[in-house]
Amino acid sequence: MELLIDTSRKSFTTGRPFERKVDENGVQRLDRKTRLPLWAAQLVVMDERGADTIVVTLATPEPPQLQQGQPVTPVHLVAQPWSRNGREGVAFRADEVRALSAAKSA
């Protein structure tokens, strides 16, 4: 089950840029449906209640080139609850993570 996250009242910044998502043998993981490489980045999420850090995964040929502290916006961010071998958690995926342009001064 995927749960779509409303990002309209949240701001996001890059905590750690995208890196290859690898298995226990160091081989880059592939998306099961598209067979595209998986990439993961740490994003800092802020809203009126405070801040939290999440790891967001993308399936794309090449990851977005983001810098630490750069404002971004995730496109179609979903949470996927999971449970395996007595452990459980939430994985976050997005279709895309876009860098926000700096506001131009007049």
PDB file of N, CA and C in Angstrom:
ATOM      1  N   MET A   1       0.839  -1.171   0.000  1.00  0.00           N
ATOM      2  CA  MET A   1       0.000   0.000   0.000  1.00  0.00           C
ATOM      3  C   MET A   1       0.883   1.232   0.000  1.00  0.00           C
ATOM      4  N   GLU A   2       0.550   2.186  -0.844  1.00  0.00           N
ATOM      5  CA  GLU A   2       1.253   3.467  -0.877  1.00  0.00           C
ATOM      6  C   GLU A   2       0.326   4.549  -0.340  1.00  0.00           C
ATOM      7  N   LEU A   3       0.865   5.422   0.494  1.00  0.00           N
ATOM      8  CA  LEU A   3       0.101   6.527   1.052  1.00  0.00           C
ATOM      9  C   LEU A   3       0.693   7.822   0.525  1.00  0.00           C
ATOM     10  N   LEU A   4      -0.079   8.561  -0.271  1.00  0.00           N
ATOM     11  CA  LEU A   4       0.385   9.820  -0.839  1.00  0.00           C
ATOM     12  C   LEU A   4       0.498  10.873   0.255  1.00  0.00           C
ATOM     13  N   ILE A   5       1.624  11.572   0.295  1.00  0.00           N
ATOM     14  CA  ILE A   5       1.872  12.600   1.314  1.00  0.00           C
ATOM     15  C   ILE A   5       1.585  13.976   0.747  1.00  0.00           C
ATOM     16  N   ASP A   6       0.774  14.758   1.456  1.00  0.00           N
ATOM     17  CA  ASP A   6       0.499  16.142   1.080  1.00  0.00           C
ATOM     18  C   ASP A   6       1.713  16.989   1.460  1.00  0.00           C
ATOM     19  N   THR A   7       2.443  17.470   0.488  1.00  0.00           N
ATOM     20  CA  THR A   7       3.660  18.244   0.735  1.00  0.00           C
ATOM     21  C   THR A   7       3.428  19.748   0.670  1.00  0.00           C
ATOM     22  N   SER A   8       2.184  20.176   0.488  1.00  0.00           N
ATOM     23  CA  SER A   8       1.900  21.593   0.247  1.00  0.00           C
ATOM     24  C   SER A   8       2.259  22.510   1.421  1.00  0.00           C
ATOM     25  N   ARG A   9       2.253  22.014   2.641  1.00  0.00           N
ATOM     26  CA  ARG A   9       2.570  22.847   3.809  1.00  0.00           C
ATOM     27  C   ARG A   9       3.888  22.440   4.462  1.00  0.00           C
ATOM     28  N   LYS A  10       4.739  21.824   3.679  1.00  0.00           N
ATOM     29  CA  LYS A  10       6.034  21.379   4.185  1.00  0.00           C
ATOM     30  C   LYS A  10       7.138  21.946   3.301  1.00  0.00           C
ATOM     31  N   SER A  11       8.296  22.176   3.912  1.00  0.00           N
ATOM     32  CA  SER A  11       9.458  22.572   3.116  1.00  0.00           C
ATOM     33  C   SER A  11      10.501  21.476   3.255  1.00  0.00           C
ATOM     34  N   PHE A  12      11.269  21.289   2.212  1.00  0.00           N
ATOM     35  CA  PHE A  12      12.262  20.222   2.151  1.00  0.00           C
ATOM     36  C   PHE A  12      13.616  20.799   1.772  1.00  0.00           C
ATOM     37  N   THR A  13      14.656  20.303   2.416  1.00  0.00           N
ATOM     38  CA  THR A  13      16.022  20.618   2.022  1.00  0.00           C
ATOM     39  C   THR A  13      16.819  19.320   1.964  1.00  0.00           C
ATOM     40  N   THR A  14      17.877  19.334   1.188  1.00  0.00           N
ATOM     41  CA  THR A  14      18.723  18.154   1.054  1.00  0.00           C
ATOM     42  C   THR A  14      19.620  18.035   2.274  1.00  0.00           C
ATOM     43  N   GLY A  15      19.509  16.920   2.969  1.00  0.00           N
ATOM     44  CA  GLY A  15      20.398  16.642   4.095  1.00  0.00           C
ATOM     45  C   GLY A  15      21.662  15.956   3.614  1.00  0.00           C
ATOM     46  N   ARG A  16      21.493  15.023   2.678  1.00  0.00           N
ATOM     47  CA  ARG A  16      22.602  14.304   2.060  1.00  0.00           C
ATOM     48  C   ARG A  16      22.183  14.026   0.620  1.00  0.00           C
ATOM     49  N   PRO A  17      23.014  14.370  -0.359  1.00  0.00           N
ATOM     50  CA  PRO A  17      22.653  14.166  -1.772  1.00  0.00           C
ATOM     51  C   PRO A  17      22.413  12.702  -2.114  1.00  0.00           C
ATOM     52  N   PHE A  18      21.876  12.466  -3.301  1.00  0.00           N
ATOM     53  CA  PHE A  18      21.558  11.114  -3.754  1.00  0.00           C
ATOM     54  C   PHE A  18      22.809  10.261  -3.911  1.00  0.00           C
ATOM     55  N   GLU A  19      22.685   9.027  -3.454  1.00  0.00           N
ATOM     56  CA  GLU A  19      23.728   8.019  -3.603  1.00  0.00           C
ATOM     57  C   GLU A  19      23.074   6.744  -4.111  1.00  0.00           C
ATOM     58  N   ARG A  20      23.874   5.874  -4.685  1.00  0.00           N
ATOM     59  CA  ARG A  20      23.367   4.583  -5.157  1.00  0.00           C
ATOM     60  C   ARG A  20      22.793   3.801  -3.985  1.00  0.00           C
ATOM     61  N   LYS A  21      21.658   3.155  -4.199  1.00  0.00           N
ATOM     62  CA  LYS A  21      21.086   2.264  -3.195  1.00  0.00           C
ATOM     63  C   LYS A  21      21.585   0.862  -3.540  1.00  0.00           C
ATOM     64  N   VAL A  22      22.351   0.255  -2.624  1.00  0.00           N
ATOM     65  CA  VAL A  22      23.002  -1.019  -2.925  1.00  0.00           C
ATOM     66  C   VAL A  22      22.516  -2.133  -2.010  1.00  0.00           C
ATOM     67  N   ASP A  23      22.703  -3.371  -2.479  1.00  0.00           N
ATOM     68  CA  ASP A  23      22.365  -4.541  -1.663  1.00  0.00           C
ATOM     69  C   ASP A  23      23.564  -4.902  -0.794  1.00  0.00           C
ATOM     70  N   GLU A  24      23.454  -6.026  -0.065  1.00  0.00           N
ATOM     71  CA  GLU A  24      24.515  -6.431   0.862  1.00  0.00           C
ATOM     72  C   GLU A  24      25.825  -6.778   0.164  1.00  0.00           C
ATOM     73  N   ASN A  25      25.797  -6.986  -1.170  1.00  0.00           N
ATOM     74  CA  ASN A  25      27.008  -7.283  -1.935  1.00  0.00           C
ATOM     75  C   ASN A  25      27.581  -6.051  -2.647  1.00  0.00           C
ATOM     76  N   GLY A  26      26.975  -4.885  -2.396  1.00  0.00           N
ATOM     77  CA  GLY A  26      27.457  -3.658  -3.026  1.00  0.00           C
ATOM     78  C   GLY A  26      26.943  -3.431  -4.438  1.00  0.00           C
ATOM     79  N   VAL A  27      25.977  -4.252  -4.891  1.00  0.00           N
ATOM     80  CA  VAL A  27      25.400  -4.124  -6.225  1.00  0.00           C
ATOM     81  C   VAL A  27      24.217  -3.165  -6.154  1.00  0.00           C
ATOM     82  N   GLN A  28      24.171  -2.217  -7.097  1.00  0.00           N
ATOM     83  CA  GLN A  28      23.079  -1.245  -7.079  1.00  0.00           C
ATOM     84  C   GLN A  28      21.741  -1.949  -7.293  1.00  0.00           C
ATOM     85  N   ARG A  29      20.786  -1.599  -6.447  1.00  0.00           N
ATOM     86  CA  ARG A  29      19.443  -2.177  -6.548  1.00  0.00           C
ATOM     87  C   ARG A  29      18.703  -1.565  -7.736  1.00  0.00           C
ATOM     88  N   LEU A  30      17.773  -2.348  -8.284  1.00  0.00           N
ATOM     89  CA  LEU A  30      16.947  -1.905  -9.410  1.00  0.00           C
ATOM     90  C   LEU A  30      15.487  -1.937  -9.000  1.00  0.00           C
ATOM     91  N   ASP A  31      14.712  -1.027  -9.569  1.00  0.00           N
ATOM     92  CA  ASP A  31      13.273  -1.004  -9.335  1.00  0.00           C
ATOM     93  C   ASP A  31      12.650  -2.264  -9.935  1.00  0.00           C
ATOM     94  N   ARG A  32      11.765  -2.894  -9.192  1.00  0.00           N
ATOM     95  CA  ARG A  32      11.164  -4.155  -9.648  1.00  0.00           C
ATOM     96  C   ARG A  32      10.323  -3.994 -10.907  1.00  0.00           C
ATOM     97  N   LYS A  33       9.638  -2.853 -11.041  1.00  0.00           N
ATOM     98  CA  LYS A  33       8.746  -2.652 -12.192  1.00  0.00           C
ATOM     99  C   LYS A  33       9.493  -2.122 -13.413  1.00  0.00           C
ATOM    100  N   THR A  34      10.286  -1.067 -13.216  1.00  0.00           N
ATOM    101  CA  THR A  34      10.913  -0.385 -14.352  1.00  0.00           C
ATOM    102  C   THR A  34      12.318  -0.878 -14.668  1.00  0.00           C
ATOM    103  N   ARG A  35      12.947  -1.580 -13.707  1.00  0.00           N
ATOM    104  CA  ARG A  35      14.339  -2.037 -13.803  1.00  0.00           C
ATOM    105  C   ARG A  35      15.334  -0.881 -13.854  1.00  0.00           C
ATOM    106  N   LEU A  36      14.895   0.327 -13.470  1.00  0.00           N
ATOM    107  CA  LEU A  36      15.799   1.479 -13.385  1.00  0.00           C
ATOM    108  C   LEU A  36      16.582   1.417 -12.083  1.00  0.00           C
ATOM    109  N   PRO A  37      17.796   1.988 -12.057  1.00  0.00           N
ATOM    110  CA  PRO A  37      18.590   2.005 -10.827  1.00  0.00           C
ATOM    111  C   PRO A  37      17.894   2.816  -9.728  1.00  0.00           C
ATOM    112  N   LEU A  38      18.096   2.396  -8.476  1.00  0.00           N
ATOM    113  CA  LEU A  38      17.533   3.102  -7.324  1.00  0.00           C
ATOM    114  C   LEU A  38      18.595   3.994  -6.696  1.00  0.00           C
ATOM    115  N   TRP A  39      18.170   5.182  -6.294  1.00  0.00           N
ATOM    116  CA  TRP A  39      19.018   6.184  -5.649  1.00  0.00           C
ATOM    117  C   TRP A  39      18.306   6.656  -4.395  1.00  0.00           C
ATOM    118  N   ALA A  40      19.046   6.973  -3.342  1.00  0.00           N
ATOM    119  CA  ALA A  40      18.439   7.419  -2.082  1.00  0.00           C
ATOM    120  C   ALA A  40      19.124   8.695  -1.599  1.00  0.00           C
ATOM    121  N   ALA A  41      18.322   9.616  -1.073  1.00  0.00           N
ATOM    122  CA  ALA A  41      18.833  10.868  -0.513  1.00  0.00           C
ATOM    123  C   ALA A  41      18.150  11.141   0.815  1.00  0.00           C
ATOM    124  N   GLN A  42      18.868  11.804   1.693  1.00  0.00           N
ATOM    125  CA  GLN A  42      18.304  12.226   2.967  1.00  0.00           C
ATOM    126  C   GLN A  42      17.709  13.617   2.767  1.00  0.00           C
ATOM    127  N   LEU A  43      16.438  13.771   3.131  1.00  0.00           N
ATOM    128  CA  LEU A  43      15.779  15.075   3.061  1.00  0.00           C
ATOM    129  C   LEU A  43      15.339  15.488   4.454  1.00  0.00           C
ATOM    130  N   VAL A  44      15.495  16.770   4.741  1.00  0.00           N
ATOM    131  CA  VAL A  44      15.002  17.349   5.987  1.00  0.00           C
ATOM    132  C   VAL A  44      13.648  17.967   5.675  1.00  0.00           C
ATOM    133  N   VAL A  45      12.626  17.548   6.411  1.00  0.00           N
ATOM    134  CA  VAL A  45      11.251  18.010   6.204  1.00  0.00           C
ATOM    135  C   VAL A  45      10.881  18.926   7.359  1.00  0.00           C
ATOM    136  N   MET A  46      10.373  20.115   7.035  1.00  0.00           N
ATOM    137  CA  MET A  46       9.969  21.061   8.074  1.00  0.00           C
ATOM    138  C   MET A  46       8.534  21.519   7.850  1.00  0.00           C
ATOM    139  N   ASP A  47       7.801  21.646   8.955  1.00  0.00           N
ATOM    140  CA  ASP A  47       6.471  22.246   8.925  1.00  0.00           C
ATOM    141  C   ASP A  47       6.270  22.983  10.245  1.00  0.00           C
ATOM    142  N   GLU A  48       5.051  23.407  10.523  1.00  0.00           N
ATOM    143  CA  GLU A  48       4.786  24.206  11.723  1.00  0.00           C
ATOM    144  C   GLU A  48       5.029  23.438  13.017  1.00  0.00           C
ATOM    145  N   ARG A  49       5.105  22.117  12.960  1.00  0.00           N
ATOM    146  CA  ARG A  49       5.319  21.302  14.154  1.00  0.00           C
ATOM    147  C   ARG A  49       6.786  20.991  14.420  1.00  0.00           C
ATOM    148  N   GLY A  50       7.663  21.296  13.475  1.00  0.00           N
ATOM    149  CA  GLY A  50       9.082  21.014  13.671  1.00  0.00           C
ATOM    150  C   GLY A  50       9.717  20.423  12.430  1.00  0.00           C
ATOM    151  N   ALA A  51      10.766  19.627  12.643  1.00  0.00           N
ATOM    152  CA  ALA A  51      11.523  19.057  11.534  1.00  0.00           C
ATOM    153  C   ALA A  51      11.763  17.570  11.763  1.00  0.00           C
ATOM    154  N   ASP A  52      11.971  16.872  10.675  1.00  0.00           N
ATOM    155  CA  ASP A  52      12.301  15.451  10.719  1.00  0.00           C
ATOM    156  C   ASP A  52      13.166  15.150   9.506  1.00  0.00           C
ATOM    157  N   THR A  53      13.848  14.030   9.542  1.00  0.00           N
ATOM    158  CA  THR A  53      14.697  13.607   8.434  1.00  0.00           C
ATOM    159  C   THR A  53      14.148  12.303   7.885  1.00  0.00           C
ATOM    160  N   ILE A  54      14.013  12.241   6.546  1.00  0.00           N
ATOM    161  CA  ILE A  54      13.557  11.019   5.895  1.00  0.00           C
ATOM    162  C   ILE A  54      14.543  10.674   4.780  1.00  0.00           C
ATOM    163  N   VAL A  55      14.572   9.415   4.411  1.00  0.00           N
ATOM    164  CA  VAL A  55      15.365   8.972   3.261  1.00  0.00           C
ATOM    165  C   VAL A  55      14.374   8.686   2.137  1.00  0.00           C
ATOM    166  N   VAL A  56      14.572   9.358   0.996  1.00  0.00           N
ATOM    167  CA  VAL A  56      13.672   9.233  -0.149  1.00  0.00           C
ATOM    168  C   VAL A  56      14.397   8.499  -1.273  1.00  0.00           C
ATOM    169  N   THR A  57      13.719   7.515  -1.840  1.00  0.00           N
ATOM    170  CA  THR A  57      14.278   6.717  -2.929  1.00  0.00           C
ATOM    171  C   THR A  57      13.630   7.105  -4.253  1.00  0.00           C
ATOM    172  N   LEU A  58      14.453   7.160  -5.301  1.00  0.00           N
ATOM    173  CA  LEU A  58      13.993   7.410  -6.671  1.00  0.00           C
ATOM    174  C   LEU A  58      14.449   6.268  -7.559  1.00  0.00           C
ATOM    175  N   ALA A  59      13.664   5.972  -8.594  1.00  0.00           N
ATOM    176  CA  ALA A  59      14.066   5.048  -9.653  1.00  0.00           C
ATOM    177  C   ALA A  59      14.269   5.897 -10.902  1.00  0.00           C
ATOM    178  N   THR A  60      15.532   6.090 -11.285  1.00  0.00           N
ATOM    179  CA  THR A  60      15.845   6.953 -12.421  1.00  0.00           C
ATOM    180  C   THR A  60      17.227   6.585 -12.961  1.00  0.00           C
ATOM    181  N   PRO A  61      17.469   6.796 -14.268  1.00  0.00           N
ATOM    182  CA  PRO A  61      18.781   6.445 -14.817  1.00  0.00           C
ATOM    183  C   PRO A  61      19.931   7.177 -14.123  1.00  0.00           C
ATOM    184  N   GLU A  62      19.739   8.447 -13.815  1.00  0.00           N
ATOM    185  CA  GLU A  62      20.746   9.266 -13.131  1.00  0.00           C
ATOM    186  C   GLU A  62      20.054  10.063 -12.028  1.00  0.00           C
ATOM    187  N   PRO A  63      20.691  10.240 -10.884  1.00  0.00           N
ATOM    188  CA  PRO A  63      20.049  10.979  -9.788  1.00  0.00           C
ATOM    189  C   PRO A  63      20.118  12.484 -10.018  1.00  0.00           C
ATOM    190  N   PRO A  64      19.215  13.246  -9.390  1.00  0.00           N
ATOM    191  CA  PRO A  64      19.323  14.703  -9.436  1.00  0.00           C
ATOM    192  C   PRO A  64      20.639  15.128  -8.779  1.00  0.00           C
ATOM    193  N   GLN A  65      21.263  16.148  -9.318  1.00  0.00           N
ATOM    194  CA  GLN A  65      22.509  16.671  -8.754  1.00  0.00           C
ATOM    195  C   GLN A  65      22.149  17.755  -7.739  1.00  0.00           C
ATOM    196  N   LEU A  66      22.100  17.384  -6.474  1.00  0.00           N
ATOM    197  CA  LEU A  66      21.696  18.287  -5.405  1.00  0.00           C
ATOM    198  C   LEU A  66      22.850  18.480  -4.437  1.00  0.00           C
ATOM    199  N   GLN A  67      22.854  19.632  -3.777  1.00  0.00           N
ATOM    200  CA  GLN A  67      23.867  19.951  -2.781  1.00  0.00           C
ATOM    201  C   GLN A  67      23.231  19.924  -1.400  1.00  0.00           C
ATOM    202  N   GLN A  68      24.024  19.638  -0.392  1.00  0.00           N
ATOM    203  CA  GLN A  68      23.532  19.650   0.983  1.00  0.00           C
ATOM    204  C   GLN A  68      22.986  21.038   1.308  1.00  0.00           C
ATOM    205  N   GLY A  69      21.806  21.080   1.933  1.00  0.00           N
ATOM    206  CA  GLY A  69      21.163  22.337   2.315  1.00  0.00           C
ATOM    207  C   GLY A  69      20.344  22.976   1.206  1.00  0.00           C
ATOM    208  N   GLN A  70      20.309  22.374   0.025  1.00  0.00           N
ATOM    209  CA  GLN A  70      19.573  22.939  -1.107  1.00  0.00           C
ATOM    210  C   GLN A  70      18.076  22.704  -0.936  1.00  0.00           C
ATOM    211  N   PRO A  71      17.253  23.763  -1.099  1.00  0.00           N
ATOM    212  CA  PRO A  71      15.797  23.582  -1.045  1.00  0.00           C
ATOM    213  C   PRO A  71      15.324  22.749  -2.236  1.00  0.00           C
ATOM    214  N   VAL A  72      14.445  21.800  -1.968  1.00  0.00           N
ATOM    215  CA  VAL A  72      13.933  20.909  -3.013  1.00  0.00           C
ATOM    216  C   VAL A  72      12.446  20.687  -2.812  1.00  0.00           C
ATOM    217  N   THR A  73      11.822  20.081  -3.806  1.00  0.00           N
ATOM    218  CA  THR A  73      10.440  19.648  -3.666  1.00  0.00           C
ATOM    219  C   THR A  73      10.308  18.245  -4.245  1.00  0.00           C
ATOM    220  N   PRO A  74       9.808  17.302  -3.463  1.00  0.00           N
ATOM    221  CA  PRO A  74       9.566  15.964  -3.993  1.00  0.00           C
ATOM    222  C   PRO A  74       8.252  15.937  -4.771  1.00  0.00           C
ATOM    223  N   VAL A  75       8.241  15.215  -5.879  1.00  0.00           N
ATOM    224  CA  VAL A  75       7.051  15.079  -6.715  1.00  0.00           C
ATOM    225  C   VAL A  75       6.445  13.707  -6.472  1.00  0.00           C
ATOM    226  N   HIS A  76       5.176  13.680  -6.117  1.00  0.00           N
ATOM    227  CA  HIS A  76       4.433  12.450  -5.836  1.00  0.00           C
ATOM    228  C   HIS A  76       5.159  11.623  -4.769  1.00  0.00           C
ATOM    229  N   LEU A  77       5.329  12.223  -3.593  1.00  0.00           N
ATOM    230  CA  LEU A  77       5.977  11.564  -2.461  1.00  0.00           C
ATOM    231  C   LEU A  77       4.993  10.608  -1.800  1.00  0.00           C
ATOM    232  N   VAL A  78       5.399   9.361  -1.652  1.00  0.00           N
ATOM    233  CA  VAL A  78       4.541   8.364  -1.019  1.00  0.00           C
ATOM    234  C   VAL A  78       5.283   7.679   0.120  1.00  0.00           C
ATOM    235  N   ALA A  79       4.513   7.261   1.108  1.00  0.00           N
ATOM    236  CA  ALA A  79       5.037   6.459   2.214  1.00  0.00           C
ATOM    237  C   ALA A  79       4.565   5.032   1.989  1.00  0.00           C
ATOM    238  N   GLN A  80       5.471   4.076   2.165  1.00  0.00           N
ATOM    239  CA  GLN A  80       5.140   2.667   1.984  1.00  0.00           C
ATOM    240  C   GLN A  80       5.480   1.922   3.271  1.00  0.00           C
ATOM    241  N   PRO A  81       4.479   1.648   4.114  1.00  0.00           N
ATOM    242  CA  PRO A  81       4.749   0.863   5.323  1.00  0.00           C
ATOM    243  C   PRO A  81       5.241  -0.533   4.932  1.00  0.00           C
ATOM    244  N   TRP A  82       6.182  -1.073   5.725  1.00  0.00           N
ATOM    245  CA  TRP A  82       6.707  -2.406   5.441  1.00  0.00           C
ATOM    246  C   TRP A  82       6.918  -3.173   6.742  1.00  0.00           C
ATOM    247  N   SER A  83       6.940  -4.493   6.610  1.00  0.00           N
ATOM    248  CA  SER A  83       7.183  -5.387   7.738  1.00  0.00           C
ATOM    249  C   SER A  83       7.906  -6.623   7.201  1.00  0.00           C
ATOM    250  N   ARG A  84       9.043  -6.995   7.865  1.00  0.00           N
ATOM    251  CA  ARG A  84       9.817  -8.143   7.408  1.00  0.00           C
ATOM    252  C   ARG A  84      10.621  -8.696   8.572  1.00  0.00           C
ATOM    253  N   ASN A  85      10.525  -9.989   8.774  1.00  0.00           N
ATOM    254  CA  ASN A  85      11.300 -10.676   9.816  1.00  0.00           C
ATOM    255  C   ASN A  85      11.169 -10.016  11.196  1.00  0.00           C
ATOM    256  N   GLY A  86       9.944  -9.621  11.559  1.00  0.00           N
ATOM    257  CA  GLY A  86       9.713  -9.021  12.854  1.00  0.00           C
ATOM    258  C   GLY A  86      10.088  -7.547  12.943  1.00  0.00           C
ATOM    259  N   ARG A  87      10.575  -6.991  11.864  1.00  0.00           N
ATOM    260  CA  ARG A  87      10.914  -5.550  11.828  1.00  0.00           C
ATOM    261  C   ARG A  87       9.888  -4.836  10.972  1.00  0.00           C
ATOM    262  N   GLU A  88       9.687  -3.564  11.258  1.00  0.00           N
ATOM    263  CA  GLU A  88       8.759  -2.777  10.447  1.00  0.00           C
ATOM    264  C   GLU A  88       9.223  -1.343  10.380  1.00  0.00           C
ATOM    265  N   GLY A  89       8.726  -0.633   9.389  1.00  0.00           N
ATOM    266  CA  GLY A  89       9.093   0.760   9.207  1.00  0.00           C
ATOM    267  C   GLY A  89       8.302   1.366   8.069  1.00  0.00           C
ATOM    268  N   VAL A  90       8.794   2.495   7.592  1.00  0.00           N
ATOM    269  CA  VAL A  90       8.162   3.204   6.486  1.00  0.00           C
ATOM    270  C   VAL A  90       9.258   3.585   5.490  1.00  0.00           C
ATOM    271  N   ALA A  91       9.032   3.262   4.226  1.00  0.00           N
ATOM    272  CA  ALA A  91       9.947   3.661   3.156  1.00  0.00           C
ATOM    273  C   ALA A  91       9.288   4.808   2.394  1.00  0.00           C
ATOM    274  N   PHE A  92      10.093   5.768   1.974  1.00  0.00           N
ATOM    275  CA  PHE A  92       9.584   6.914   1.217  1.00  0.00           C
ATOM    276  C   PHE A  92      10.111   6.852  -0.201  1.00  0.00           C
ATOM    277  N   ARG A  93       9.205   7.039  -1.169  1.00  0.00           N
ATOM    278  CA  ARG A  93       9.590   7.058  -2.584  1.00  0.00           C
ATOM    279  C   ARG A  93       8.977   8.294  -3.219  1.00  0.00           C
ATOM    280  N   ALA A  94       9.612   8.763  -4.257  1.00  0.00           N
ATOM    281  CA  ALA A  94       9.085   9.889  -5.027  1.00  0.00           C
ATOM    282  C   ALA A  94       9.329   9.622  -6.497  1.00  0.00           C
ATOM    283  N   ASP A  95       8.529  10.242  -7.341  1.00  0.00           N
ATOM    284  CA  ASP A  95       8.747  10.134  -8.782  1.00  0.00           C
ATOM    285  C   ASP A  95       9.943  10.984  -9.205  1.00  0.00           C
ATOM    286  N   GLU A  96      10.160  12.065  -8.446  1.00  0.00           N
ATOM    287  CA  GLU A  96      11.219  13.017  -8.786  1.00  0.00           C
ATOM    288  C   GLU A  96      11.476  13.903  -7.575  1.00  0.00           C
ATOM    289  N   VAL A  97      12.678  14.430  -7.457  1.00  0.00           N
ATOM    290  CA  VAL A  97      12.987  15.459  -6.469  1.00  0.00           C
ATOM    291  C   VAL A  97      13.605  16.616  -7.239  1.00  0.00           C
ATOM    292  N   ARG A  98      12.912  17.745  -7.228  1.00  0.00           N
ATOM    293  CA  ARG A  98      13.341  18.920  -7.998  1.00  0.00           C
ATOM    294  C   ARG A  98      13.992  19.964  -7.101  1.00  0.00           C
ATOM    295  N   ALA A  99      15.076  20.540  -7.594  1.00  0.00           N
ATOM    296  CA  ALA A  99      15.697  21.663  -6.907  1.00  0.00           C
ATOM    297  C   ALA A  99      14.813  22.887  -7.084  1.00  0.00           C
ATOM    298  N   LEU A 100      14.648  23.654  -6.015  1.00  0.00           N
ATOM    299  CA  LEU A 100      13.882  24.890  -6.112  1.00  0.00           C
ATOM    300  C   LEU A 100      14.807  26.005  -6.555  1.00  0.00           C
ATOM    301  N   SER A 101      14.314  26.848  -7.429  1.00  0.00           N
ATOM    302  CA  SER A 101      15.101  27.984  -7.901  1.00  0.00           C
ATOM    303  C   SER A 101      15.150  29.051  -6.821  1.00  0.00           C
ATOM    304  N   ALA A 102      16.273  29.719  -6.727  1.00  0.00           N
ATOM    305  CA  ALA A 102      16.389  30.836  -5.794  1.00  0.00           C
ATOM    306  C   ALA A 102      15.522  31.979  -6.304  1.00  0.00           C
ATOM    307  N   ALA A 103      14.835  32.648  -5.391  1.00  0.00           N
ATOM    308  CA  ALA A 103      13.987  33.770  -5.786  1.00  0.00           C
ATOM    309  C   ALA A 103      14.851  34.892  -6.341  1.00  0.00           C
ATOM    310  N   LYS A 104      14.427  35.455  -7.470  1.00  0.00           N
ATOM    311  CA  LYS A 104      15.190  36.542  -8.080  1.00  0.00           C
ATOM    312  C   LYS A 104      14.757  37.868  -7.468  1.00  0.00           C
ATOM    313  N   SER A 105      15.741  38.699  -7.150  1.00  0.00           N
ATOM    314  CA  SER A 105      15.398  40.008  -6.584  1.00  0.00           C
ATOM    315  C   SER A 105      15.081  40.981  -7.694  1.00  0.00           C
ATOM    316  N   ALA A 106      14.162  41.885  -7.416  1.00  0.00           N
ATOM    317  CA  ALA A 106      13.705  42.833  -8.423  1.00  0.00           C
ATOM    318  C   ALA A 106      14.634  44.006  -8.553  1.00  0.00           C
TER     319      ALA A 106
END
